[in-house]
Protein backbone atom coordinates (compact mmCIF):
# COMPACT_ATOMS: atom_id res chain seq x y z
CA UNK A 1 53.27 -87.88 26.42
CA UNK A 2 54.38 -86.36 23.51
CA UNK A 3 50.65 -85.66 22.03
CA UNK A 4 49.74 -84.34 25.67
CA UNK A 5 48.20 -81.17 25.45
CA UNK A 6 50.63 -80.52 28.87
CA UNK A 7 53.35 -80.71 26.41
CA UNK A 8 54.52 -77.58 25.86
CA UNK A 9 55.28 -77.75 29.91
CA UNK A 10 56.94 -80.79 29.80
CA UNK A 11 59.37 -79.31 26.56
CA UNK A 12 60.22 -76.36 29.40
CA UNK A 13 61.08 -78.88 31.77
CA UNK A 14 63.20 -81.02 30.06
CA UNK A 15 65.09 -78.04 28.65
CA UNK A 16 64.86 -76.59 32.30
CA UNK A 17 67.50 -79.64 32.77
CA UNK A 18 69.37 -79.16 29.84
CA UNK A 19 70.05 -74.94 30.79
CA UNK A 20 71.03 -75.90 34.05
CA UNK A 21 73.33 -78.31 32.76
CA UNK A 22 74.56 -75.38 30.21
CA UNK A 23 75.88 -73.15 33.22
CA UNK A 24 76.70 -75.18 35.64
CA UNK A 25 79.50 -77.27 33.31
CA UNK A 26 80.88 -73.84 32.47
CA UNK A 27 80.85 -72.31 36.26
CA UNK A 28 82.37 -75.27 37.68
CA UNK A 29 85.96 -74.82 36.87
CA UNK A 30 86.18 -70.92 38.47
CA UNK A 31 85.05 -72.44 41.98
CA UNK A 32 87.81 -75.48 41.76
CA UNK A 33 90.92 -73.52 40.65
CA UNK A 34 92.33 -73.79 44.08
CA UNK A 35 92.40 -77.91 43.47
CA UNK A 36 93.27 -77.80 39.91
CA UNK A 37 96.37 -75.69 40.42
CA UNK A 38 98.03 -78.25 42.48
CA UNK A 39 98.02 -80.47 40.10
CA UNK A 40 98.17 -78.38 36.74
CA UNK A 41 101.10 -76.22 37.73
CA UNK A 42 100.28 -73.30 35.05
CA UNK A 43 96.87 -72.37 36.09
CA UNK A 44 98.95 -70.88 39.35
CA UNK A 45 99.40 -68.14 37.59
CA UNK A 46 96.28 -65.50 37.15
CA UNK A 47 97.00 -64.63 33.89
CA UNK A 48 96.89 -68.37 32.46
CA UNK A 49 93.58 -68.66 34.67
CA UNK A 50 92.40 -65.42 32.73
CA UNK A 51 93.58 -66.68 29.40
CA UNK A 52 91.54 -70.35 30.07
CA UNK A 53 87.90 -68.67 30.95
CA UNK A 54 88.64 -66.16 27.95
CA UNK A 55 88.93 -68.11 25.69
CA UNK A 56 85.40 -69.86 26.43
CA UNK A 57 83.77 -66.51 26.34
CA UNK A 58 85.11 -65.20 23.02
CA UNK A 59 84.49 -68.38 20.93
CA UNK A 60 80.92 -68.45 22.68
CA UNK A 61 80.25 -65.23 21.43
CA UNK A 62 81.60 -65.53 17.91
CA UNK A 63 79.63 -68.67 17.55
CA UNK A 64 76.50 -67.71 18.79
CA UNK A 65 75.03 -65.97 15.99
CA UNK A 66 76.11 -69.04 13.73
CA UNK A 67 74.18 -70.99 15.97
CA UNK A 68 71.19 -69.10 15.70
CA UNK A 69 71.54 -69.43 11.88
CA UNK A 70 72.06 -73.73 12.30
CA UNK A 71 69.21 -73.92 14.20
CA UNK A 72 66.73 -72.29 11.84
CA UNK A 73 67.75 -74.52 9.16
CA UNK A 74 67.62 -77.97 11.01
CA UNK A 75 66.15 -79.98 13.54
CA UNK A 76 65.83 -77.93 17.33
CA UNK A 77 65.85 -81.40 18.54
CA UNK A 78 68.57 -83.10 17.25
CA UNK A 79 70.69 -79.56 17.34
CA UNK A 80 70.12 -79.95 21.48
CA UNK A 81 70.97 -83.31 21.90
CA UNK A 82 74.13 -82.62 20.14
CA UNK A 83 75.30 -80.39 21.76
CA UNK A 84 74.42 -81.52 25.11
CA UNK A 85 76.00 -84.65 24.25
CA UNK A 86 79.38 -82.94 23.05
CA UNK A 87 79.72 -80.33 25.88
CA UNK A 88 79.36 -83.28 28.16
CA UNK A 89 81.96 -84.91 26.83
CA UNK A 90 83.74 -83.01 26.97
CA UNK A 91 83.42 -81.72 30.61
CA UNK A 92 83.96 -85.57 31.29
CA UNK A 93 87.62 -85.21 29.37
CA UNK A 94 88.60 -82.65 31.23
CA UNK A 95 89.06 -84.51 34.39
CA UNK A 96 91.94 -86.81 32.28
CA UNK A 97 93.32 -83.46 31.59
CA UNK A 98 97.06 -83.02 32.61
CA UNK A 99 98.51 -79.78 31.10
CA UNK A 100 97.03 -76.39 30.66
CA UNK A 101 97.21 -76.75 26.89
CA UNK A 102 94.76 -79.82 27.52
CA UNK A 103 92.47 -77.49 29.21
CA UNK A 104 92.22 -74.73 26.60
CA UNK A 105 91.64 -76.93 23.85
CA UNK A 106 88.73 -78.33 25.96
CA UNK A 107 87.53 -74.83 26.78
CA UNK A 108 87.56 -73.66 23.13
CA UNK A 109 86.31 -76.89 22.55
CA UNK A 110 82.95 -76.62 25.21
CA UNK A 111 82.39 -72.82 23.84
CA UNK A 112 81.38 -74.12 20.23
CA UNK A 113 79.03 -76.76 21.69
CA UNK A 114 77.74 -74.74 24.49
CA UNK A 115 76.79 -71.77 21.89
CA UNK A 116 74.98 -74.22 20.01
CA UNK A 117 72.13 -74.61 22.85
CA UNK A 118 70.68 -71.13 23.82
CA UNK A 119 69.47 -70.09 20.44
CA UNK A 120 68.10 -73.48 19.62
CA UNK A 121 66.28 -74.21 23.10
CA UNK A 122 64.61 -70.59 23.31
CA UNK A 123 63.12 -70.86 19.70
CA UNK A 124 61.64 -74.06 20.76
CA UNK A 125 60.06 -73.29 23.93
CA UNK A 126 58.80 -69.87 21.89
CA UNK A 127 57.14 -72.53 19.15
CA UNK A 128 55.57 -74.38 21.45
CA UNK A 129 53.76 -71.71 23.66
CA UNK A 130 51.44 -69.06 22.81
CA UNK A 131 51.45 -65.28 22.80
CA UNK A 132 49.34 -66.11 26.64
CA UNK A 133 52.04 -68.35 27.99
CA UNK A 134 55.68 -67.37 26.27
CA UNK A 135 56.99 -65.18 28.83
CA UNK A 136 56.34 -67.66 31.49
CA UNK A 137 57.59 -70.27 29.63
CA UNK A 138 61.12 -68.79 29.11
CA UNK A 139 60.86 -67.55 32.83
CA UNK A 140 60.51 -71.06 33.76
CA UNK A 141 62.98 -72.25 31.23
CA UNK A 142 65.76 -69.06 32.52
CA UNK A 143 65.55 -70.53 36.32
CA UNK A 144 67.26 -73.65 35.05
CA UNK A 145 70.19 -71.11 33.66
CA UNK A 146 70.12 -69.38 37.33
CA UNK A 147 70.44 -72.44 39.09
CA UNK A 148 73.00 -73.93 36.85
CA UNK A 149 75.16 -70.83 38.36
CA UNK A 150 74.20 -71.55 41.88
CA UNK A 151 74.64 -75.32 41.33
CA UNK A 152 78.47 -74.87 39.88
CA UNK A 153 79.42 -74.09 43.46
CA UNK A 154 79.14 -77.54 44.42
CA UNK A 155 81.57 -78.66 41.84
CA UNK A 156 84.39 -77.15 44.32
CA UNK A 157 82.58 -79.42 47.17
CA UNK A 158 83.29 -82.43 45.53
CA UNK A 159 86.39 -81.37 44.31
CA UNK A 160 87.15 -80.53 48.00
CA UNK A 161 85.73 -84.07 49.65
CA UNK A 162 87.16 -86.27 46.28
CA UNK A 163 88.97 -84.59 43.54
CA UNK A 164 88.31 -82.07 40.92
CA UNK A 165 88.81 -85.06 38.25
CA UNK A 166 85.76 -86.58 39.99
CA UNK A 167 83.88 -83.42 39.72
CA UNK A 168 84.01 -83.20 35.67
CA UNK A 169 83.69 -87.02 35.37
CA UNK A 170 80.36 -86.86 37.32
CA UNK A 171 78.90 -83.66 35.72
CA UNK A 172 79.46 -84.94 32.35
CA UNK A 173 78.15 -88.30 32.80
CA UNK A 174 75.49 -86.98 33.62
CA UNK A 175 75.02 -85.02 30.88
CA UNK A 176 75.94 -87.38 28.32
CA UNK A 177 73.09 -89.57 30.43
CA UNK A 178 70.42 -86.85 30.05
CA UNK A 179 71.17 -86.48 26.40
CA UNK A 180 70.04 -90.28 25.44
CA UNK A 181 66.96 -89.71 27.99
CA UNK A 182 66.18 -86.00 25.35
CA UNK A 183 66.62 -88.63 22.30
CA UNK A 184 63.14 -90.37 23.46
CA UNK A 185 61.15 -87.13 25.25
CA UNK A 186 62.67 -84.34 22.98
CA UNK A 187 60.42 -82.95 19.80
CA UNK A 188 60.37 -80.51 17.10
CA UNK A 189 57.29 -78.26 16.63
CA UNK A 190 55.42 -79.37 13.91
CA UNK A 191 53.96 -76.74 11.40
CA UNK A 192 50.93 -76.68 9.91
CA UNK A 193 51.61 -73.93 7.34
CA UNK A 194 51.15 -73.74 4.15
CA UNK A 195 55.27 -73.76 3.83
CA UNK A 196 55.23 -76.88 5.08
CA UNK A 197 52.95 -78.45 2.84
CA UNK A 198 55.05 -77.51 -0.47
CA UNK A 199 58.03 -78.53 -1.36
CA UNK A 200 60.89 -77.28 1.10
CA UNK A 201 63.34 -74.66 -0.85
CA UNK A 202 66.33 -74.69 0.02
CA UNK A 203 67.57 -70.64 1.75
CA UNK A 204 70.80 -69.67 1.84
CA UNK A 205 72.31 -70.02 5.24
CA UNK A 206 73.14 -66.10 5.86
CA UNK A 207 68.97 -64.98 4.30
CA UNK A 208 68.44 -64.49 7.92
CA UNK A 209 70.80 -62.62 8.77
CA UNK A 210 69.86 -60.09 6.03
CA UNK A 211 66.45 -60.11 7.31
CA UNK A 212 67.50 -59.28 10.78
CA UNK A 213 69.67 -56.41 10.03
CA UNK A 214 67.40 -54.89 7.83
CA UNK A 215 64.80 -54.53 10.27
CA UNK A 216 65.07 -50.78 12.70
CA UNK A 217 63.00 -52.85 15.50
CA UNK A 218 65.78 -55.51 15.81
CA UNK A 219 68.41 -53.33 16.07
CA UNK A 220 67.08 -51.37 18.87
CA UNK A 221 66.46 -54.76 20.28
CA UNK A 222 69.99 -55.61 20.15
CA UNK A 223 71.29 -52.66 22.07
CA UNK A 224 68.51 -52.43 24.55
CA UNK A 225 69.67 -56.17 25.20
CA UNK A 226 73.63 -55.38 24.87
CA UNK A 227 73.35 -52.24 27.37
CA UNK A 228 72.05 -53.89 30.18
CA UNK A 229 74.23 -56.71 29.82
CA UNK A 230 76.83 -54.58 30.92
CA UNK A 231 75.59 -54.22 35.17
CA UNK A 232 74.73 -58.11 34.56
CA UNK A 233 77.76 -59.69 33.95
CA UNK A 234 79.29 -56.74 36.28
CA UNK A 235 77.05 -58.11 39.12
CA UNK A 236 77.88 -61.79 38.05
CA UNK A 237 81.80 -61.23 38.06
CA UNK A 238 82.73 -58.51 40.44
CA UNK A 239 79.74 -57.83 43.38
CA UNK A 240 81.45 -60.67 45.18
CA UNK A 241 84.55 -58.47 45.07
CA UNK A 242 82.25 -55.22 45.82
CA UNK A 243 80.69 -57.22 48.60
CA UNK A 244 84.05 -57.93 50.50
CA UNK A 245 85.37 -54.89 50.13
CA UNK A 246 82.33 -52.98 51.05
CA UNK A 247 81.28 -55.25 54.21
CA UNK A 248 84.41 -56.25 55.41
CA UNK A 249 84.34 -60.03 54.88
CA UNK A 250 86.57 -62.56 53.22
CA UNK A 251 85.67 -64.02 49.62
CA UNK A 252 84.81 -67.34 51.56
CA UNK A 253 81.70 -65.34 52.80
CA UNK A 254 81.29 -62.85 50.30
CA UNK A 255 80.95 -65.26 46.89
CA UNK A 256 77.97 -67.33 48.68
CA UNK A 257 76.16 -64.10 49.81
CA UNK A 258 76.33 -62.49 46.47
CA UNK A 259 75.51 -65.45 44.55
CA UNK A 260 72.68 -66.54 46.56
CA UNK A 261 71.01 -63.45 46.69
CA UNK A 262 71.20 -62.57 42.93
CA UNK A 263 69.94 -66.24 42.44
CA UNK A 264 67.39 -66.12 44.32
CA UNK A 265 65.80 -62.66 43.43
CA UNK A 266 66.30 -63.31 39.68
CA UNK A 267 64.09 -66.78 40.12
CA UNK A 268 61.81 -64.36 41.63
CA UNK A 269 62.07 -61.66 38.66
CA UNK A 270 61.53 -64.11 36.34
CA UNK A 271 58.20 -65.65 37.01
CA UNK A 272 56.98 -62.66 38.52
CA UNK A 273 57.69 -61.10 35.54
CA UNK A 274 56.65 -64.04 33.08
CA UNK A 275 53.41 -63.54 34.94
CA UNK A 276 52.24 -60.40 34.37
CA UNK A 277 53.35 -59.86 31.14
CA UNK A 278 51.61 -63.27 29.30
CA UNK A 279 48.92 -61.18 31.32
CA UNK A 280 49.55 -58.05 30.03
CA UNK A 281 50.41 -58.59 26.88
CA UNK A 282 46.45 -59.45 26.50
CA UNK A 283 45.53 -56.31 26.66
CA UNK A 284 48.07 -53.77 25.54
CA UNK A 285 50.44 -55.05 22.89
CA UNK A 286 53.27 -53.33 24.71
CA UNK A 287 52.79 -55.48 27.69
CA UNK A 288 55.95 -56.98 27.31
CA UNK A 289 57.83 -54.26 26.82
CA UNK A 290 56.40 -52.30 29.50
CA UNK A 291 57.30 -54.84 32.07
CA UNK A 292 60.62 -55.57 30.74
CA UNK A 293 61.13 -51.70 31.30
CA UNK A 294 59.85 -51.97 34.84
CA UNK A 295 62.73 -54.50 35.54
CA UNK A 296 65.13 -51.97 34.21
CA UNK A 297 63.85 -49.36 36.43
CA UNK A 298 64.53 -51.65 39.62
CA UNK A 299 67.93 -51.92 38.13
CA UNK A 300 69.21 -48.47 38.16
CA UNK A 301 68.41 -47.73 41.90
CA UNK A 302 69.97 -50.67 42.75
CA UNK A 303 73.48 -50.23 41.13
CA UNK A 304 73.21 -47.16 42.83
CA UNK A 305 72.53 -48.15 45.86
CA UNK A 306 75.36 -51.22 45.47
CA UNK A 307 77.47 -48.15 44.17
CA UNK A 308 77.33 -46.33 47.22
CA UNK A 309 75.82 -47.90 50.30
CA UNK A 310 78.01 -49.18 52.93
CA UNK A 311 75.96 -51.17 54.71
CA UNK A 312 75.13 -55.21 54.84
CA UNK A 313 71.32 -53.85 54.44
CA UNK A 314 72.30 -51.37 51.85
CA UNK A 315 73.71 -53.47 50.00
CA UNK A 316 72.23 -56.96 50.11
CA UNK A 317 68.66 -54.80 49.54
CA UNK A 318 69.96 -53.43 46.27
CA UNK A 319 71.47 -56.67 45.05
CA UNK A 320 68.24 -58.27 45.75
CA UNK A 321 66.15 -55.51 43.95
CA UNK A 322 68.91 -56.13 41.11
CA UNK A 323 68.02 -59.33 40.57
CA UNK A 324 63.92 -59.04 40.55
CA UNK A 325 64.67 -56.71 37.87
CA UNK A 326 66.87 -58.17 35.74
CA UNK A 327 64.65 -61.53 35.83
CA UNK A 328 62.07 -59.30 34.53
CA UNK A 329 63.92 -57.80 32.19
CA UNK A 330 65.38 -61.19 31.51
CA UNK A 331 62.49 -63.50 30.72
CA UNK A 332 60.54 -60.78 28.29
CA UNK A 333 63.63 -60.90 25.64
CA UNK A 334 62.44 -63.98 24.04
CA UNK A 335 58.90 -62.95 23.99
CA UNK A 336 59.59 -59.65 22.78
CA UNK A 337 61.71 -60.86 19.66
CA UNK A 338 58.73 -63.06 18.86
CA UNK A 339 56.81 -59.93 18.39
CA UNK A 340 58.92 -58.05 15.51
CA UNK A 341 60.78 -61.85 13.98
CA UNK A 342 59.25 -63.92 12.42
CA UNK A 343 59.54 -67.72 14.00
CA UNK A 344 62.18 -68.71 10.66
CA UNK A 345 64.39 -66.34 12.02
CA UNK A 346 63.89 -66.54 15.91
CA UNK A 347 66.87 -68.58 16.87
CA UNK A 348 69.45 -66.49 14.64
CA UNK A 349 67.49 -63.77 15.95
CA UNK A 350 68.73 -64.80 19.98
CA UNK A 351 72.54 -65.93 18.82
CA UNK A 352 73.05 -62.16 17.42
CA UNK A 353 71.56 -60.90 20.75
CA UNK A 354 73.75 -63.66 22.98
CA UNK A 355 76.92 -62.30 21.12
CA UNK A 356 76.33 -58.76 21.84
CA UNK A 357 75.67 -60.10 25.30
CA UNK A 358 78.86 -61.82 25.67
CA UNK A 359 80.92 -59.40 24.14
CA UNK A 360 79.29 -56.65 26.51
CA UNK A 361 80.37 -59.14 29.30
CA UNK A 362 83.88 -59.09 28.13
CA UNK A 363 84.34 -55.39 27.93
CA UNK A 364 83.00 -54.38 31.02
CA UNK A 365 84.65 -57.76 33.14
CA UNK A 366 87.94 -55.93 31.75
CA UNK A 367 87.21 -52.34 32.20
CA UNK A 368 85.58 -53.28 36.13
CA UNK A 369 88.94 -55.22 37.25
CA UNK A 370 91.12 -51.48 36.11
CA UNK A 371 88.57 -49.81 37.87
CA UNK A 372 88.82 -52.06 40.80
CA UNK A 373 92.91 -51.54 40.85
CA UNK A 374 92.35 -47.74 40.53
CA UNK A 375 89.40 -48.10 44.22
CA UNK A 376 86.56 -47.07 41.70
CA UNK A 377 84.48 -50.40 41.48
CA UNK A 378 81.66 -48.96 43.48
CA UNK A 379 81.58 -45.64 41.55
CA UNK A 380 81.67 -47.72 38.39
CA UNK A 381 78.40 -49.69 39.36
CA UNK A 382 76.93 -47.05 40.37
CA UNK A 383 77.88 -45.06 36.67
CA UNK A 384 76.67 -47.85 35.36
CA UNK A 385 72.91 -46.74 36.71
CA UNK A 386 72.96 -44.08 33.65
CA UNK A 387 73.57 -46.09 31.01
CA UNK A 388 70.56 -48.44 31.77
CA UNK A 389 68.56 -45.59 31.83
CA UNK A 390 69.50 -44.42 28.40
CA UNK A 391 68.85 -47.89 27.27
CA UNK A 392 65.69 -48.40 29.38
CA UNK A 393 64.12 -44.32 27.18
CA UNK A 394 65.20 -45.79 24.15
CA UNK A 395 63.16 -48.98 24.71
CA UNK A 396 60.15 -47.56 25.58
CA UNK A 397 59.92 -44.91 22.97
CA UNK A 398 60.97 -47.00 19.97
CA UNK A 399 59.82 -50.46 20.13
CA UNK A 400 55.93 -50.09 18.38
CA UNK A 401 54.88 -53.77 18.32
CA UNK A 402 51.97 -54.25 15.74
CA UNK A 403 50.71 -58.20 16.51
CA UNK A 404 51.61 -60.84 19.66
CA UNK A 405 53.18 -63.38 17.43
CA UNK A 406 54.96 -61.63 14.23
CA UNK A 407 54.59 -63.82 10.76
CA UNK A 408 56.31 -62.62 8.14
CA UNK A 409 53.70 -62.86 5.17
């Protein structure tokens, strides 16, 4: 199987499950709060629960560039297998937690172990796929993330029917077993460049970081990745609240309605964006950038309508439009990086992007919380449309790729 011409797509399928588990395991905690606070009294305080969620984001964010630098230096296969094994073990162990401090420590460890996956996983997909299939391959991989976010809610279902301990044990065990499967079927990309024909020279861990930060195009990529992350995290964390207030429905209905709408539309967006980008870039070197720009353009009216719409049709339609647009943007980020960054530094590049994206999420989540208290949540969503417009103009105006697959001579 590993020698098959179809292995690049088999790899995407293998990593799709890892991406699903990566996001499902982190999302479960949020859905199981009511069950867990019965046994762990500290979780009855919203402040403590917020600390539990925040420690993951901060550690995940700070670890992302470090994870990328490590992935550019070691076997991506074993880094992925080890990462999955550790965070699945942490998930399993959370089922035995009896205090807030135990959960806090495990959640912090999960932030470290989960951060190791995404830069390595996306870089490996990019290595196995040429410019003709790279955006679609990344897009299919990203659907695993959206599916994991959606399935994270089933933790609450298991917790309700059995117990929250059982939910953690079940999904943790699944991840551990799947890590064993990957040992046999996952492989690294063997380079055929002249670099591998000569004795290897150890390079400093931070060299790639210096190369990236001296690249003006990468700074532009960092900026236009961070800006759309603001509404991306706003939708993820605050859309259920907005749905509940605008449509006058309770959170039990607003939560699934918002997440299903955005997850399904994002699935559609990454597939459409991947197919379009891979075709377009064969005829126009800026095809990926234009496809990403179309996606960002769709989010602008969507954010305005989400903010000011008052009917079910307005809000659901706007959320669907945002999901499609964000999916088209999301699926082209790593392929665009490949047009400006050499293979040796792509995991580091995505690690830095992941960091600024997560920190943007932490910032906007806190800001919208204050906005909600003031009754201005809808208006804040609409204002984000203007911020995205700035990023869109910069992206189109200043990103000028010269190749489909950058190689540092």
